[in-house]
Amino acid sequence: MRLTEFQELLHTEFGVSRGDVLLSDHVLPAMGGRTGAQAIEDGVDPRDVWRELCREFDVPRPRW
């Protein structure tokens, strides 16, 4: 998944402000205790970060 597609999904699902805060501040245990932004910076596929955010925040599976 391209980063632009990830950002579009993030902002559509959570809103721009909340999505940006979740990405930069919310620690994802499944990503080794990193935030989504840190995980992406470390080379994790944005699709994996997206799926983990969806799990954490109970986003309905069809929107993953």
N, C-alpha and C. Protein backbone atom coordinates (compact mmCIF):
# COMPACT_ATOMS: atom_id res chain seq x y z
N MET A 1 0.85 -1.18 0.00
CA MET A 1 0.00 0.00 0.00
C MET A 1 0.90 1.24 0.00
N ARG A 2 0.54 2.17 -0.83
CA ARG A 2 1.29 3.43 -0.86
C ARG A 2 0.91 4.29 0.35
N LEU A 3 1.85 5.11 0.76
CA LEU A 3 1.63 5.97 1.91
C LEU A 3 0.46 6.93 1.66
N THR A 4 0.30 7.40 0.44
CA THR A 4 -0.81 8.32 0.14
C THR A 4 -2.16 7.61 0.31
N GLU A 5 -2.24 6.35 -0.10
CA GLU A 5 -3.48 5.59 0.07
C GLU A 5 -3.75 5.37 1.57
N PHE A 6 -2.70 5.06 2.31
CA PHE A 6 -2.82 4.88 3.76
C PHE A 6 -3.37 6.15 4.42
N GLN A 7 -2.79 7.28 4.07
CA GLN A 7 -3.23 8.55 4.66
C GLN A 7 -4.68 8.86 4.30
N GLU A 8 -5.07 8.55 3.09
CA GLU A 8 -6.45 8.78 2.67
C GLU A 8 -7.41 7.92 3.50
N LEU A 9 -7.08 6.65 3.67
CA LEU A 9 -7.92 5.76 4.49
C LEU A 9 -7.98 6.26 5.93
N LEU A 10 -6.83 6.61 6.47
CA LEU A 10 -6.74 7.09 7.85
C LEU A 10 -7.61 8.32 8.06
N HIS A 11 -7.50 9.28 7.16
CA HIS A 11 -8.26 10.53 7.30
C HIS A 11 -9.75 10.33 7.04
N THR A 12 -10.09 9.44 6.15
CA THR A 12 -11.49 9.16 5.88
C THR A 12 -12.14 8.48 7.08
N GLU A 13 -11.45 7.53 7.68
CA GLU A 13 -12.01 6.77 8.79
C GLU A 13 -12.05 7.56 10.09
N PHE A 14 -10.98 8.27 10.39
CA PHE A 14 -10.85 8.91 11.71
C PHE A 14 -10.92 10.44 11.67
N GLY A 15 -10.91 11.03 10.50
CA GLY A 15 -10.83 12.48 10.39
C GLY A 15 -9.36 12.88 10.35
N VAL A 16 -9.09 14.03 9.81
CA VAL A 16 -7.70 14.45 9.62
C VAL A 16 -6.98 14.62 10.95
N SER A 17 -7.54 15.40 11.85
CA SER A 17 -6.86 15.69 13.12
C SER A 17 -6.69 14.44 13.96
N ARG A 18 -7.77 13.71 14.16
CA ARG A 18 -7.69 12.51 15.00
C ARG A 18 -6.79 11.46 14.35
N GLY A 19 -6.91 11.28 13.06
CA GLY A 19 -6.07 10.31 12.36
C GLY A 19 -4.60 10.62 12.50
N ASP A 20 -4.24 11.88 12.36
CA ASP A 20 -2.84 12.28 12.51
C ASP A 20 -2.34 12.04 13.93
N VAL A 21 -3.19 12.32 14.92
CA VAL A 21 -2.80 12.08 16.31
C VAL A 21 -2.65 10.58 16.58
N LEU A 22 -3.59 9.78 16.09
CA LEU A 22 -3.48 8.33 16.28
C LEU A 22 -2.20 7.80 15.67
N LEU A 23 -1.87 8.27 14.50
CA LEU A 23 -0.67 7.80 13.81
C LEU A 23 0.60 8.18 14.56
N SER A 24 0.65 9.38 15.09
CA SER A 24 1.88 9.85 15.73
C SER A 24 1.97 9.54 17.22
N ASP A 25 0.84 9.33 17.91
CA ASP A 25 0.88 9.21 19.37
C ASP A 25 0.41 7.86 19.92
N HIS A 26 -0.43 7.15 19.21
CA HIS A 26 -0.99 5.90 19.74
C HIS A 26 0.02 4.76 19.55
N VAL A 27 0.41 4.14 20.67
CA VAL A 27 1.35 3.02 20.63
C VAL A 27 0.60 1.75 20.27
N LEU A 28 1.14 1.02 19.31
CA LEU A 28 0.54 -0.23 18.84
C LEU A 28 1.38 -1.41 19.36
N PRO A 29 0.88 -2.12 20.36
CA PRO A 29 1.65 -3.24 20.92
C PRO A 29 2.08 -4.26 19.85
N ALA A 30 1.22 -4.52 18.88
CA ALA A 30 1.54 -5.49 17.84
C ALA A 30 2.65 -5.01 16.91
N MET A 31 2.96 -3.73 16.97
CA MET A 31 4.04 -3.18 16.16
C MET A 31 5.30 -2.97 17.01
N GLY A 32 5.43 -3.79 18.04
CA GLY A 32 6.62 -3.72 18.87
C GLY A 32 6.66 -2.52 19.79
N GLY A 33 5.47 -2.01 20.16
CA GLY A 33 5.41 -0.87 21.06
C GLY A 33 5.75 0.45 20.38
N ARG A 34 5.66 0.46 19.06
CA ARG A 34 5.91 1.69 18.31
C ARG A 34 4.59 2.33 17.92
N THR A 35 4.65 3.59 17.61
CA THR A 35 3.48 4.24 17.03
C THR A 35 3.41 3.82 15.56
N GLY A 36 2.28 4.08 14.93
CA GLY A 36 2.16 3.78 13.51
C GLY A 36 3.19 4.53 12.69
N ALA A 37 3.42 5.78 13.03
CA ALA A 37 4.39 6.59 12.30
C ALA A 37 5.80 6.00 12.44
N GLN A 38 6.15 5.58 13.65
CA GLN A 38 7.46 4.97 13.86
C GLN A 38 7.60 3.66 13.08
N ALA A 39 6.54 2.86 13.10
CA ALA A 39 6.58 1.58 12.39
C ALA A 39 6.78 1.81 10.90
N ILE A 40 6.04 2.75 10.32
CA ILE A 40 6.19 3.05 8.89
C ILE A 40 7.60 3.56 8.61
N GLU A 41 8.09 4.43 9.46
CA GLU A 41 9.44 4.96 9.29
C GLU A 41 10.49 3.84 9.35
N ASP A 42 10.21 2.82 10.16
CA ASP A 42 11.12 1.68 10.29
C ASP A 42 10.96 0.65 9.18
N GLY A 43 10.07 0.92 8.23
CA GLY A 43 9.94 0.05 7.07
C GLY A 43 8.76 -0.90 7.06
N VAL A 44 7.88 -0.80 8.06
CA VAL A 44 6.68 -1.65 8.08
C VAL A 44 5.74 -1.15 6.99
N ASP A 45 5.14 -2.09 6.27
CA ASP A 45 4.19 -1.75 5.22
C ASP A 45 3.02 -0.96 5.82
N PRO A 46 2.67 0.18 5.25
CA PRO A 46 1.53 0.95 5.76
C PRO A 46 0.25 0.12 5.85
N ARG A 47 0.08 -0.88 4.97
CA ARG A 47 -1.10 -1.74 5.02
C ARG A 47 -1.17 -2.47 6.37
N ASP A 48 -0.03 -2.93 6.88
CA ASP A 48 0.00 -3.63 8.17
C ASP A 48 -0.33 -2.67 9.31
N VAL A 49 0.15 -1.46 9.22
CA VAL A 49 -0.17 -0.45 10.23
C VAL A 49 -1.67 -0.13 10.18
N TRP A 50 -2.20 0.02 8.97
CA TRP A 50 -3.63 0.30 8.80
C TRP A 50 -4.47 -0.80 9.44
N ARG A 51 -4.13 -2.04 9.15
CA ARG A 51 -4.90 -3.16 9.72
C ARG A 51 -4.83 -3.18 11.24
N GLU A 52 -3.68 -2.87 11.77
CA GLU A 52 -3.54 -2.86 13.23
C GLU A 52 -4.35 -1.72 13.85
N LEU A 53 -4.34 -0.56 13.24
CA LEU A 53 -5.17 0.55 13.74
C LEU A 53 -6.65 0.16 13.68
N CYS A 54 -7.05 -0.52 12.61
CA CYS A 54 -8.43 -0.96 12.47
C CYS A 54 -8.80 -1.94 13.58
N ARG A 55 -7.89 -2.87 13.88
CA ARG A 55 -8.15 -3.82 14.98
C ARG A 55 -8.29 -3.09 16.32
N GLU A 56 -7.36 -2.21 16.58
CA GLU A 56 -7.32 -1.49 17.86
C GLU A 56 -8.58 -0.64 18.08
N PHE A 57 -9.11 -0.08 17.01
CA PHE A 57 -10.24 0.84 17.14
C PHE A 57 -11.55 0.28 16.59
N ASP A 58 -11.60 -1.04 16.49
CA ASP A 58 -12.84 -1.73 16.09
C ASP A 58 -13.49 -1.20 14.82
N VAL A 59 -12.67 -0.91 13.84
CA VAL A 59 -13.20 -0.51 12.54
C VAL A 59 -13.81 -1.77 11.89
N PRO A 60 -15.02 -1.68 11.37
CA PRO A 60 -15.63 -2.86 10.73
C PRO A 60 -14.73 -3.42 9.63
N ARG A 61 -14.60 -4.73 9.62
CA ARG A 61 -13.68 -5.41 8.70
C ARG A 61 -13.84 -5.03 7.24
N PRO A 62 -15.05 -4.79 6.73
CA PRO A 62 -15.17 -4.41 5.31
C PRO A 62 -14.42 -3.10 4.97
N ARG A 63 -14.12 -2.27 5.95
CA ARG A 63 -13.42 -1.01 5.68
C ARG A 63 -11.91 -1.14 5.82
N TRP A 64 -11.41 -2.35 6.11
CA TRP A 64 -9.96 -2.54 6.21
C TRP A 64 -9.40 -2.54 4.83
